[in-house]
Protein backbone atom coordinates (compact mmCIF):
# COMPACT_ATOMS: atom_id res chain seq x y z
CA UNK A 1 43.44 -174.68 13.70
CA UNK A 2 41.55 -177.61 15.05
CA UNK A 3 40.91 -180.80 13.61
CA UNK A 4 37.87 -182.73 12.94
CA UNK A 5 39.09 -186.25 14.98
CA UNK A 6 35.86 -188.14 15.21
CA UNK A 7 35.33 -191.21 14.08
CA UNK A 8 31.62 -190.38 12.39
CA UNK A 9 31.39 -189.75 8.90
CA UNK A 10 30.65 -186.68 7.74
CA UNK A 11 27.21 -187.97 6.00
CA UNK A 12 25.61 -191.64 5.78
CA UNK A 13 24.77 -193.57 2.30
CA UNK A 14 20.89 -193.26 3.71
CA UNK A 15 21.37 -189.18 3.85
CA UNK A 16 21.56 -187.51 1.47
CA UNK A 17 24.57 -184.46 2.38
CA UNK A 18 22.08 -181.85 1.72
CA UNK A 19 19.32 -182.89 4.33
CA UNK A 20 18.30 -181.05 7.45
CA UNK A 21 19.83 -184.42 9.37
CA UNK A 22 23.13 -184.50 7.81
CA UNK A 23 23.36 -180.68 8.16
CA UNK A 24 22.55 -180.96 12.21
CA UNK A 25 25.25 -184.20 12.53
CA UNK A 26 27.26 -181.52 10.55
CA UNK A 27 27.27 -178.37 13.04
CA UNK A 28 27.08 -180.34 15.48
CA UNK A 29 30.56 -181.93 14.89
CA UNK A 30 31.84 -178.82 13.33
CA UNK A 31 32.32 -180.50 9.53
CA UNK A 32 32.39 -178.29 7.05
CA UNK A 33 30.78 -179.52 3.52
CA UNK A 34 31.49 -177.59 0.64
CA UNK A 35 28.15 -176.39 -0.92
CA UNK A 36 29.33 -176.96 -4.87
CA UNK A 37 27.90 -179.91 -6.54
CA UNK A 38 28.83 -181.80 -9.26
CA UNK A 39 27.31 -181.38 -12.98
CA UNK A 40 24.26 -183.67 -14.03
CA UNK A 41 25.54 -186.03 -16.15
CA UNK A 42 25.21 -185.23 -20.08
CA UNK A 43 22.35 -187.38 -21.84
CA UNK A 44 23.49 -190.36 -23.80
CA UNK A 45 24.55 -189.16 -27.50
CA UNK A 46 21.98 -190.02 -30.42
CA UNK A 47 23.98 -190.46 -33.15
CA UNK A 48 23.31 -193.92 -34.44
CA UNK A 49 22.42 -195.07 -30.90
CA UNK A 50 18.97 -196.63 -29.74
CA UNK A 51 18.57 -197.25 -26.36
CA UNK A 52 17.46 -200.82 -26.36
CA UNK A 53 13.86 -199.80 -24.86
CA UNK A 54 13.22 -197.72 -27.48
CA UNK A 55 10.28 -199.37 -29.94
CA UNK A 56 10.55 -197.27 -33.13
CA UNK A 57 7.66 -198.51 -35.13
CA UNK A 58 3.89 -198.23 -35.30
CA UNK A 59 1.96 -201.03 -35.97
CA UNK A 60 -0.32 -202.15 -39.28
CA UNK A 61 -3.30 -201.26 -37.24
CA UNK A 62 -2.78 -197.59 -36.47
CA UNK A 63 -1.08 -196.76 -39.73
CA UNK A 64 -4.49 -198.81 -41.45
CA UNK A 65 -7.03 -196.47 -39.27
CA UNK A 66 -4.71 -193.24 -39.60
CA UNK A 67 -4.75 -194.18 -43.54
CA UNK A 68 -8.53 -195.02 -43.72
CA UNK A 69 -8.69 -191.35 -41.30
CA UNK A 70 -7.09 -189.41 -44.16
CA UNK A 71 -9.60 -190.78 -46.84
CA UNK A 72 -12.89 -190.20 -44.51
CA UNK A 73 -11.70 -186.59 -43.82
CA UNK A 74 -11.16 -185.93 -47.85
CA UNK A 75 -14.14 -187.49 -49.04
CA UNK A 76 -16.16 -185.61 -45.89
CA UNK A 77 -14.21 -182.65 -47.44
CA UNK A 78 -15.13 -183.59 -51.03
CA UNK A 79 -18.71 -183.75 -50.39
CA UNK A 80 -19.84 -180.58 -48.60
CA UNK A 81 -21.68 -178.56 -51.32
CA UNK A 82 -23.88 -182.05 -51.51
CA UNK A 83 -24.80 -181.41 -47.72
CA UNK A 84 -27.84 -179.09 -48.50
CA UNK A 85 -29.62 -181.35 -50.99
CA UNK A 86 -28.73 -184.30 -49.16
CA UNK A 87 -30.73 -181.84 -46.28
CA UNK A 88 -33.47 -181.33 -48.77
CA UNK A 89 -34.03 -185.15 -49.40
CA UNK A 90 -33.20 -186.44 -45.90
CA UNK A 91 -33.76 -183.92 -42.94
CA UNK A 92 -30.88 -181.51 -41.66
CA UNK A 93 -30.97 -182.42 -38.13
CA UNK A 94 -30.21 -186.63 -39.89
CA UNK A 95 -27.47 -185.32 -42.80
CA UNK A 96 -26.41 -183.14 -39.73
CA UNK A 97 -25.71 -186.12 -36.89
CA UNK A 98 -24.30 -188.36 -39.79
CA UNK A 99 -21.64 -185.51 -40.63
CA UNK A 100 -20.43 -185.01 -37.18
CA UNK A 101 -20.55 -188.74 -36.77
CA UNK A 102 -18.37 -189.40 -39.93
CA UNK A 103 -16.25 -186.40 -39.23
CA UNK A 104 -15.56 -187.24 -35.46
CA UNK A 105 -14.20 -190.78 -36.24
CA UNK A 106 -12.37 -189.67 -39.38
CA UNK A 107 -10.70 -186.89 -36.99
CA UNK A 108 -9.86 -189.95 -34.24
CA UNK A 109 -8.40 -192.04 -36.63
CA UNK A 110 -5.77 -189.37 -37.98
CA UNK A 111 -5.12 -187.83 -34.75
CA UNK A 112 -4.39 -191.41 -33.67
CA UNK A 113 -1.99 -192.06 -36.84
CA UNK A 114 -0.55 -188.80 -36.00
CA UNK A 115 0.37 -189.54 -32.58
CA UNK A 116 1.83 -192.46 -32.85
CA UNK A 117 4.02 -191.66 -35.44
CA UNK A 118 5.00 -188.52 -33.60
CA UNK A 119 6.07 -190.74 -30.76
CA UNK A 120 7.74 -193.14 -33.02
CA UNK A 121 9.93 -190.31 -34.65
CA UNK A 122 10.86 -189.02 -31.11
CA UNK A 123 11.61 -191.82 -30.19
CA UNK A 124 9.14 -192.75 -27.46
CA UNK A 125 7.44 -195.93 -26.04
CA UNK A 126 3.76 -196.64 -27.15
CA UNK A 127 1.78 -196.61 -24.19
C-alpha cells in the first residue's frame, strides 16, 4: 500500500473539488477524493422570526389604488345593464371605448394591489 507523500494540496481554495482541473491534478498525484458531499444547509425557520431585509408592509398609495380599483370594478359591473341605453344615447363605439378604459384602469389598480399584498404576505421585497 502506498501513501501520498506529496506536499501539494488535493485542491486549491480557488477551485472546487469537482472541477476538471482539480480532478486532473488529483489523478496525477494519485489522490482519491470522496464523491460524497455534505447536505445543503436547511433554510432558517420562520417561526416568528423575520430576516432583517424583508419588508412586509404595503404602501398607503398601493392600498388606496387597490380600494379604488375594487370600487371601479364593482361600479362598472353594477352599470352593465345601462350600456345599451348609453350606447343609444352617445354611440356604441364611444361607450365601448369608455367602458374598456374604465375597466382597464380599475383592473390594473386592483391587480397592483393584489400583487403588493401577496408579496407582503409571502415576505418578499417589493421592487
